[in-house]
Amino acid sequence: MSGLYRRTRNPMFQGVLLVLLAECLLYADPGLIVYTGSIALFFHTTVVFREEPDLTSRFGVSYSHYCRQVPRWGFALKAFSPEPI
């Protein structure tokens, strides 16, 4: 495991949300705020109800270990280190 995935589980989704939040600050449009919130909700439900169960069934204990060390949203201060084999 390398790159941003050692510190957060969803860097691409977070990047999109960061751009949308920056646009909200730039344009101060209430419609854009609603759009950003709906995209954030869509990302969250997709991750929780589709991606994570699929990855848990595919990778089992190693993915559970990864989930315990790396946050779904936000960034970990300490980079992920896999279990010693």
PDB file of N, CA and C in Angstrom:
ATOM      1  N   MET A   1       0.854  -1.171   0.000  1.00  0.00           N
ATOM      2  CA  MET A   1       0.000   0.000   0.000  1.00  0.00           C
ATOM      3  C   MET A   1       0.901   1.235   0.000  1.00  0.00           C
ATOM      4  N   SER A   2       0.545   2.190  -0.875  1.00  0.00           N
ATOM      5  CA  SER A   2       1.370   3.391  -0.957  1.00  0.00           C
ATOM      6  C   SER A   2       0.495   4.611  -1.216  1.00  0.00           C
ATOM      7  N   GLY A   3       1.107   5.775  -1.183  1.00  0.00           N
ATOM      8  CA  GLY A   3       0.412   7.009  -1.488  1.00  0.00           C
ATOM      9  C   GLY A   3      -0.584   7.427  -0.419  1.00  0.00           C
ATOM     10  N   LEU A   4      -1.601   8.163  -0.848  1.00  0.00           N
ATOM     11  CA  LEU A   4      -2.593   8.693   0.086  1.00  0.00           C
ATOM     12  C   LEU A   4      -3.416   7.613   0.771  1.00  0.00           C
ATOM     13  N   TYR A   5      -3.518   6.446   0.165  1.00  0.00           N
ATOM     14  CA  TYR A   5      -4.316   5.374   0.757  1.00  0.00           C
ATOM     15  C   TYR A   5      -3.714   4.862   2.066  1.00  0.00           C
ATOM     16  N   ARG A   6      -2.486   5.229   2.373  1.00  0.00           N
ATOM     17  CA  ARG A   6      -1.892   4.871   3.664  1.00  0.00           C
ATOM     18  C   ARG A   6      -2.406   5.777   4.770  1.00  0.00           C
ATOM     19  N   ARG A   7      -3.041   6.893   4.401  1.00  0.00           N
ATOM     20  CA  ARG A   7      -3.517   7.852   5.395  1.00  0.00           C
ATOM     21  C   ARG A   7      -5.029   8.068   5.397  1.00  0.00           C
ATOM     22  N   THR A   8      -5.689   7.744   4.294  1.00  0.00           N
ATOM     23  CA  THR A   8      -7.149   7.881   4.206  1.00  0.00           C
ATOM     24  C   THR A   8      -7.683   6.824   3.241  1.00  0.00           C
ATOM     25  N   ARG A   9      -8.896   6.366   3.490  1.00  0.00           N
ATOM     26  CA  ARG A   9      -9.461   5.310   2.638  1.00  0.00           C
ATOM     27  C   ARG A   9     -10.088   5.830   1.354  1.00  0.00           C
ATOM     28  N   ASN A  10     -10.441   7.095   1.292  1.00  0.00           N
ATOM     29  CA  ASN A  10     -11.163   7.623   0.131  1.00  0.00           C
ATOM     30  C   ASN A  10     -10.594   8.952  -0.353  1.00  0.00           C
ATOM     31  N   PRO A  11      -9.339   8.985  -0.786  1.00  0.00           N
ATOM     32  CA  PRO A  11      -8.755  10.273  -1.169  1.00  0.00           C
ATOM     33  C   PRO A  11      -9.401  10.900  -2.402  1.00  0.00           C
ATOM     34  N   MET A  12      -9.874  10.095  -3.338  1.00  0.00           N
ATOM     35  CA  MET A  12     -10.492  10.676  -4.539  1.00  0.00           C
ATOM     36  C   MET A  12     -11.818  11.351  -4.202  1.00  0.00           C
ATOM     37  N   PHE A  13     -12.638  10.700  -3.387  1.00  0.00           N
ATOM     38  CA  PHE A  13     -13.905  11.312  -2.988  1.00  0.00           C
ATOM     39  C   PHE A  13     -13.641  12.592  -2.200  1.00  0.00           C
ATOM     40  N   GLN A  14     -12.657  12.556  -1.317  1.00  0.00           N
ATOM     41  CA  GLN A  14     -12.339  13.734  -0.519  1.00  0.00           C
ATOM     42  C   GLN A  14     -11.834  14.876  -1.400  1.00  0.00           C
ATOM     43  N   GLY A  15     -11.097  14.556  -2.438  1.00  0.00           N
ATOM     44  CA  GLY A  15     -10.621  15.581  -3.360  1.00  0.00           C
ATOM     45  C   GLY A  15     -11.768  16.258  -4.082  1.00  0.00           C
ATOM     46  N   VAL A  16     -12.725  15.475  -4.541  1.00  0.00           N
ATOM     47  CA  VAL A  16     -13.897  16.043  -5.216  1.00  0.00           C
ATOM     48  C   VAL A  16     -14.668  16.941  -4.258  1.00  0.00           C
ATOM     49  N   LEU A  17     -14.871  16.470  -3.032  1.00  0.00           N
ATOM     50  CA  LEU A  17     -15.610  17.276  -2.057  1.00  0.00           C
ATOM     51  C   LEU A  17     -14.852  18.550  -1.701  1.00  0.00           C
ATOM     52  N   LEU A  18     -13.532  18.482  -1.649  1.00  0.00           N
ATOM     53  CA  LEU A  18     -12.742  19.672  -1.366  1.00  0.00           C
ATOM     54  C   LEU A  18     -12.905  20.717  -2.468  1.00  0.00           C
ATOM     55  N   VAL A  19     -12.902  20.288  -3.717  1.00  0.00           N
ATOM     56  CA  VAL A  19     -13.118  21.216  -4.838  1.00  0.00           C
ATOM     57  C   VAL A  19     -14.523  21.820  -4.760  1.00  0.00           C
ATOM     58  N   LEU A  20     -15.524  20.989  -4.472  1.00  0.00           N
ATOM     59  CA  LEU A  20     -16.892  21.502  -4.372  1.00  0.00           C
ATOM     60  C   LEU A  20     -17.040  22.491  -3.215  1.00  0.00           C
ATOM     61  N   LEU A  21     -16.390  22.201  -2.087  1.00  0.00           N
ATOM     62  CA  LEU A  21     -16.444  23.134  -0.956  1.00  0.00           C
ATOM     63  C   LEU A  21     -15.750  24.451  -1.298  1.00  0.00           C
ATOM     64  N   ALA A  22     -14.656  24.385  -2.041  1.00  0.00           N
ATOM     65  CA  ALA A  22     -13.976  25.612  -2.470  1.00  0.00           C
ATOM     66  C   ALA A  22     -14.880  26.435  -3.386  1.00  0.00           C
ATOM     67  N   GLU A  23     -15.621  25.768  -4.263  1.00  0.00           N
ATOM     68  CA  GLU A  23     -16.561  26.484  -5.127  1.00  0.00           C
ATOM     69  C   GLU A  23     -17.679  27.128  -4.306  1.00  0.00           C
ATOM     70  N   CYS A  24     -18.112  26.435  -3.250  1.00  0.00           N
ATOM     71  CA  CYS A  24     -19.134  27.016  -2.370  1.00  0.00           C
ATOM     72  C   CYS A  24     -18.629  28.318  -1.749  1.00  0.00           C
ATOM     73  N   LEU A  25     -17.377  28.318  -1.312  1.00  0.00           N
ATOM     74  CA  LEU A  25     -16.805  29.533  -0.732  1.00  0.00           C
ATOM     75  C   LEU A  25     -16.631  30.632  -1.777  1.00  0.00           C
ATOM     76  N   LEU A  26     -16.244  30.240  -2.968  1.00  0.00           N
ATOM     77  CA  LEU A  26     -15.990  31.212  -4.030  1.00  0.00           C
ATOM     78  C   LEU A  26     -17.275  31.867  -4.535  1.00  0.00           C
ATOM     79  N   TYR A  27     -18.318  31.071  -4.749  1.00  0.00           N
ATOM     80  CA  TYR A  27     -19.540  31.591  -5.354  1.00  0.00           C
ATOM     81  C   TYR A  27     -20.663  31.910  -4.364  1.00  0.00           C
ATOM     82  N   ALA A  28     -20.586  31.366  -3.152  1.00  0.00           N
ATOM     83  CA  ALA A  28     -21.605  31.602  -2.117  1.00  0.00           C
ATOM     84  C   ALA A  28     -23.022  31.394  -2.653  1.00  0.00           C
ATOM     85  N   ASP A  29     -23.226  30.311  -3.372  1.00  0.00           N
ATOM     86  CA  ASP A  29     -24.523  29.993  -3.960  1.00  0.00           C
ATOM     87  C   ASP A  29     -25.198  28.897  -3.128  1.00  0.00           C
ATOM     88  N   PRO A  30     -26.384  29.156  -2.571  1.00  0.00           N
ATOM     89  CA  PRO A  30     -27.071  28.142  -1.769  1.00  0.00           C
ATOM     90  C   PRO A  30     -27.344  26.848  -2.543  1.00  0.00           C
ATOM     91  N   GLY A  31     -27.621  26.959  -3.821  1.00  0.00           N
ATOM     92  CA  GLY A  31     -27.848  25.765  -4.627  1.00  0.00           C
ATOM     93  C   GLY A  31     -26.616  24.888  -4.719  1.00  0.00           C
ATOM     94  N   LEU A  32     -25.463  25.513  -4.784  1.00  0.00           N
ATOM     95  CA  LEU A  32     -24.204  24.774  -4.834  1.00  0.00           C
ATOM     96  C   LEU A  32     -23.921  24.075  -3.505  1.00  0.00           C
ATOM     97  N   ILE A  33     -24.323  24.700  -2.415  1.00  0.00           N
ATOM     98  CA  ILE A  33     -24.160  24.084  -1.093  1.00  0.00           C
ATOM     99  C   ILE A  33     -25.032  22.832  -0.991  1.00  0.00           C
ATOM    100  N   VAL A  34     -26.261  22.916  -1.472  1.00  0.00           N
ATOM    101  CA  VAL A  34     -27.162  21.757  -1.474  1.00  0.00           C
ATOM    102  C   VAL A  34     -26.586  20.652  -2.361  1.00  0.00           C
ATOM    103  N   TYR A  35     -26.082  21.039  -3.534  1.00  0.00           N
ATOM    104  CA  TYR A  35     -25.467  20.066  -4.446  1.00  0.00           C
ATOM    105  C   TYR A  35     -24.283  19.366  -3.785  1.00  0.00           C
ATOM    106  N   THR A  36     -23.415  20.123  -3.132  1.00  0.00           N
ATOM    107  CA  THR A  36     -22.258  19.553  -2.455  1.00  0.00           C
ATOM    108  C   THR A  36     -22.690  18.599  -1.349  1.00  0.00           C
ATOM    109  N   GLY A  37     -23.700  18.980  -0.601  1.00  0.00           N
ATOM    110  CA  GLY A  37     -24.206  18.096   0.454  1.00  0.00           C
ATOM    111  C   GLY A  37     -24.779  16.802  -0.098  1.00  0.00           C
ATOM    112  N   SER A  38     -25.488  16.896  -1.204  1.00  0.00           N
ATOM    113  CA  SER A  38     -26.063  15.683  -1.796  1.00  0.00           C
ATOM    114  C   SER A  38     -24.975  14.777  -2.366  1.00  0.00           C
ATOM    115  N   ILE A  39     -23.930  15.352  -2.936  1.00  0.00           N
ATOM    116  CA  ILE A  39     -22.812  14.552  -3.432  1.00  0.00           C
ATOM    117  C   ILE A  39     -22.096  13.877  -2.254  1.00  0.00           C
ATOM    118  N   ALA A  40     -21.896  14.608  -1.161  1.00  0.00           N
ATOM    119  CA  ALA A  40     -21.256  14.028   0.026  1.00  0.00           C
ATOM    120  C   ALA A  40     -22.081  12.865   0.574  1.00  0.00           C
ATOM    121  N   LEU A  41     -23.395  13.029   0.624  1.00  0.00           N
ATOM    122  CA  LEU A  41     -24.272  11.960   1.093  1.00  0.00           C
ATOM    123  C   LEU A  41     -24.205  10.751   0.161  1.00  0.00           C
ATOM    124  N   PHE A  42     -24.198  10.998  -1.140  1.00  0.00           N
ATOM    125  CA  PHE A  42     -24.076   9.916  -2.110  1.00  0.00           C
ATOM    126  C   PHE A  42     -22.759   9.160  -1.934  1.00  0.00           C
ATOM    127  N   PHE A  43     -21.652   9.895  -1.793  1.00  0.00           N
ATOM    128  CA  PHE A  43     -20.350   9.254  -1.590  1.00  0.00           C
ATOM    129  C   PHE A  43     -20.361   8.401  -0.322  1.00  0.00           C
ATOM    130  N   HIS A  44     -20.898   8.956   0.759  1.00  0.00           N
ATOM    131  CA  HIS A  44     -20.904   8.229   2.032  1.00  0.00           C
ATOM    132  C   HIS A  44     -21.719   6.939   1.943  1.00  0.00           C
ATOM    133  N   THR A  45     -22.927   7.021   1.383  1.00  0.00           N
ATOM    134  CA  THR A  45     -23.746   5.812   1.290  1.00  0.00           C
ATOM    135  C   THR A  45     -23.127   4.785   0.340  1.00  0.00           C
ATOM    136  N   THR A  46     -22.486   5.247  -0.725  1.00  0.00           N
ATOM    137  CA  THR A  46     -21.812   4.326  -1.645  1.00  0.00           C
ATOM    138  C   THR A  46     -20.681   3.592  -0.951  1.00  0.00           C
ATOM    139  N   VAL A  47     -19.891   4.326  -0.188  1.00  0.00           N
ATOM    140  CA  VAL A  47     -18.755   3.723   0.508  1.00  0.00           C
ATOM    141  C   VAL A  47     -19.239   2.746   1.579  1.00  0.00           C
ATOM    142  N   VAL A  48     -20.182   3.174   2.397  1.00  0.00           N
ATOM    143  CA  VAL A  48     -20.618   2.357   3.538  1.00  0.00           C
ATOM    144  C   VAL A  48     -21.406   1.122   3.107  1.00  0.00           C
ATOM    145  N   PHE A  49     -22.299   1.267   2.148  1.00  0.00           N
ATOM    146  CA  PHE A  49     -23.192   0.158   1.812  1.00  0.00           C
ATOM    147  C   PHE A  49     -22.773  -0.668   0.603  1.00  0.00           C
ATOM    148  N   ARG A  50     -21.820  -0.180  -0.183  1.00  0.00           N
ATOM    149  CA  ARG A  50     -21.410  -0.942  -1.363  1.00  0.00           C
ATOM    150  C   ARG A  50     -19.934  -1.321  -1.330  1.00  0.00           C
ATOM    151  N   GLU A  51     -19.061  -0.326  -1.223  1.00  0.00           N
ATOM    152  CA  GLU A  51     -17.634  -0.597  -1.330  1.00  0.00           C
ATOM    153  C   GLU A  51     -17.080  -1.375  -0.140  1.00  0.00           C
ATOM    154  N   GLU A  52     -17.364  -0.905   1.074  1.00  0.00           N
ATOM    155  CA  GLU A  52     -16.777  -1.560   2.239  1.00  0.00           C
ATOM    156  C   GLU A  52     -17.233  -3.009   2.416  1.00  0.00           C
ATOM    157  N   PRO A  53     -18.524  -3.329   2.259  1.00  0.00           N
ATOM    158  CA  PRO A  53     -18.896  -4.744   2.359  1.00  0.00           C
ATOM    159  C   PRO A  53     -18.222  -5.602   1.283  1.00  0.00           C
ATOM    160  N   ASP A  54     -18.088  -5.074   0.071  1.00  0.00           N
ATOM    161  CA  ASP A  54     -17.427  -5.810  -1.004  1.00  0.00           C
ATOM    162  C   ASP A  54     -15.951  -6.048  -0.665  1.00  0.00           C
ATOM    163  N   LEU A  55     -15.275  -5.012  -0.203  1.00  0.00           N
ATOM    164  CA  LEU A  55     -13.859  -5.162   0.144  1.00  0.00           C
ATOM    165  C   LEU A  55     -13.653  -6.077   1.349  1.00  0.00           C
ATOM    166  N   THR A  56     -14.575  -6.036   2.301  1.00  0.00           N
ATOM    167  CA  THR A  56     -14.482  -6.939   3.454  1.00  0.00           C
ATOM    168  C   THR A  56     -14.627  -8.390   3.019  1.00  0.00           C
ATOM    169  N   SER A  57     -15.553  -8.653   2.117  1.00  0.00           N
ATOM    170  CA  SER A  57     -15.729 -10.036   1.657  1.00  0.00           C
ATOM    171  C   SER A  57     -14.561 -10.491   0.791  1.00  0.00           C
ATOM    172  N   ARG A  58     -13.933  -9.580   0.077  1.00  0.00           N
ATOM    173  CA  ARG A  58     -12.807  -9.954  -0.792  1.00  0.00           C
ATOM    174  C   ARG A  58     -11.500 -10.114  -0.030  1.00  0.00           C
ATOM    175  N   PHE A  59     -11.248  -9.254   0.963  1.00  0.00           N
ATOM    176  CA  PHE A  59      -9.935  -9.240   1.616  1.00  0.00           C
ATOM    177  C   PHE A  59      -9.961  -9.633   3.087  1.00  0.00           C
ATOM    178  N   GLY A  60     -11.133  -9.769   3.684  1.00  0.00           N
ATOM    179  CA  GLY A  60     -11.289 -10.294   5.034  1.00  0.00           C
ATOM    180  C   GLY A  60     -10.537  -9.548   6.115  1.00  0.00           C
ATOM    181  N   VAL A  61      -9.738 -10.290   6.871  1.00  0.00           N
ATOM    182  CA  VAL A  61      -9.066  -9.767   8.049  1.00  0.00           C
ATOM    183  C   VAL A  61      -8.097  -8.639   7.702  1.00  0.00           C
ATOM    184  N   SER A  62      -7.402  -8.744   6.579  1.00  0.00           N
ATOM    185  CA  SER A  62      -6.433  -7.698   6.238  1.00  0.00           C
ATOM    186  C   SER A  62      -7.141  -6.358   5.978  1.00  0.00           C
ATOM    187  N   TYR A  63      -8.332  -6.392   5.374  1.00  0.00           N
ATOM    188  CA  TYR A  63      -9.071  -5.145   5.154  1.00  0.00           C
ATOM    189  C   TYR A  63      -9.619  -4.613   6.475  1.00  0.00           C
ATOM    190  N   SER A  64     -10.049  -5.486   7.358  1.00  0.00           N
ATOM    191  CA  SER A  64     -10.524  -5.049   8.678  1.00  0.00           C
ATOM    192  C   SER A  64      -9.403  -4.371   9.457  1.00  0.00           C
ATOM    193  N   HIS A  65      -8.200  -4.926   9.374  1.00  0.00           N
ATOM    194  CA  HIS A  65      -7.033  -4.321  10.021  1.00  0.00           C
ATOM    195  C   HIS A  65      -6.773  -2.932   9.434  1.00  0.00           C
ATOM    196  N   TYR A  66      -6.854  -2.808   8.121  1.00  0.00           N
ATOM    197  CA  TYR A  66      -6.668  -1.530   7.433  1.00  0.00           C
ATOM    198  C   TYR A  66      -7.714  -0.514   7.902  1.00  0.00           C
ATOM    199  N   CYS A  67      -8.972  -0.951   8.006  1.00  0.00           N
ATOM    200  CA  CYS A  67     -10.050  -0.051   8.441  1.00  0.00           C
ATOM    201  C   CYS A  67      -9.848   0.451   9.865  1.00  0.00           C
ATOM    202  N   ARG A  68      -9.272  -0.385  10.719  1.00  0.00           N
ATOM    203  CA  ARG A  68      -9.026   0.039  12.095  1.00  0.00           C
ATOM    204  C   ARG A  68      -7.942   1.109  12.170  1.00  0.00           C
ATOM    205  N   GLN A  69      -7.001   1.103  11.239  1.00  0.00           N
ATOM    206  CA  GLN A  69      -5.879   2.048  11.296  1.00  0.00           C
ATOM    207  C   GLN A  69      -6.072   3.304  10.450  1.00  0.00           C
ATOM    208  N   VAL A  70      -6.890   3.212   9.400  1.00  0.00           N
ATOM    209  CA  VAL A  70      -7.026   4.326   8.452  1.00  0.00           C
ATOM    210  C   VAL A  70      -8.475   4.816   8.459  1.00  0.00           C
ATOM    211  N   PRO A  71      -8.686   6.125   8.672  1.00  0.00           N
ATOM    212  CA  PRO A  71     -10.065   6.637   8.724  1.00  0.00           C
ATOM    213  C   PRO A  71     -10.742   6.663   7.361  1.00  0.00           C
ATOM    214  N   ARG A  72     -12.049   6.486   7.389  1.00  0.00           N
ATOM    215  CA  ARG A  72     -12.855   6.535   6.165  1.00  0.00           C
ATOM    216  C   ARG A  72     -12.807   7.946   5.573  1.00  0.00           C
ATOM    217  N   TRP A  73     -13.006   8.941   6.410  1.00  0.00           N
ATOM    218  CA  TRP A  73     -12.969  10.348   5.993  1.00  0.00           C
ATOM    219  C   TRP A  73     -11.942  11.047   6.861  1.00  0.00           C
ATOM    220  N   GLY A  74     -11.213  11.968   6.312  1.00  0.00           N
ATOM    221  CA  GLY A  74     -10.148  12.639   7.043  1.00  0.00           C
ATOM    222  C   GLY A  74      -8.823  11.932   6.797  1.00  0.00           C
ATOM    223  N   PHE A  75      -7.821  12.337   7.536  1.00  0.00           N
ATOM    224  CA  PHE A  75      -6.487  11.785   7.335  1.00  0.00           C
ATOM    225  C   PHE A  75      -5.889  11.324   8.657  1.00  0.00           C
ATOM    226  N   ALA A  76      -5.194  10.192   8.623  1.00  0.00           N
ATOM    227  CA  ALA A  76      -4.489   9.685   9.797  1.00  0.00           C
ATOM    228  C   ALA A  76      -3.126  10.359   9.878  1.00  0.00           C
ATOM    229  N   LEU A  77      -2.695  10.690  11.086  1.00  0.00           N
ATOM    230  CA  LEU A  77      -1.380  11.284  11.259  1.00  0.00           C
ATOM    231  C   LEU A  77      -0.278  10.256  11.028  1.00  0.00           C
ATOM    232  N   LYS A  78      -0.558   9.029  11.423  1.00  0.00           N
ATOM    233  CA  LYS A  78       0.415   7.954  11.258  1.00  0.00           C
ATOM    234  C   LYS A  78       0.030   7.127  10.035  1.00  0.00           C
ATOM    235  N   ALA A  79       0.975   6.877   9.157  1.00  0.00           N
ATOM    236  CA  ALA A  79       0.702   6.104   7.945  1.00  0.00           C
ATOM    237  C   ALA A  79       0.416   4.645   8.290  1.00  0.00           C
ATOM    238  N   PHE A  80      -0.423   4.017   7.481  1.00  0.00           N
ATOM    239  CA  PHE A  80      -0.787   2.609   7.663  1.00  0.00           C
ATOM    240  C   PHE A  80       0.430   1.713   7.523  1.00  0.00           C
ATOM    241  N   SER A  81       0.523   0.739   8.413  1.00  0.00           N
ATOM    242  CA  SER A  81       1.555  -0.286   8.283  1.00  0.00           C
ATOM    243  C   SER A  81       0.875  -1.642   8.393  1.00  0.00           C
ATOM    244  N   PRO A  82       1.042  -2.500   7.392  1.00  0.00           N
ATOM    245  CA  PRO A  82       0.378  -3.807   7.416  1.00  0.00           C
ATOM    246  C   PRO A  82       0.881  -4.669   8.573  1.00  0.00           C
ATOM    247  N   GLU A  83       0.045  -5.644   8.917  1.00  0.00           N
ATOM    248  CA  GLU A  83       0.411  -6.580   9.988  1.00  0.00           C
ATOM    249  C   GLU A  83       1.652  -7.362   9.586  1.00  0.00           C
ATOM    250  N   PRO A  84       2.537  -7.618  10.545  1.00  0.00           N
ATOM    251  CA  PRO A  84       3.661  -8.499  10.218  1.00  0.00           C
ATOM    252  C   PRO A  84       3.162  -9.921   9.981  1.00  0.00           C
ATOM    253  N   ILE A  85       3.691 -10.559   8.978  1.00  0.00           N
ATOM    254  CA  ILE A  85       3.235 -11.904   8.614  1.00  0.00           C
ATOM    255  C   ILE A  85       4.040 -12.957   9.331  1.00  0.00           C
TER     256      ILE A  85
END
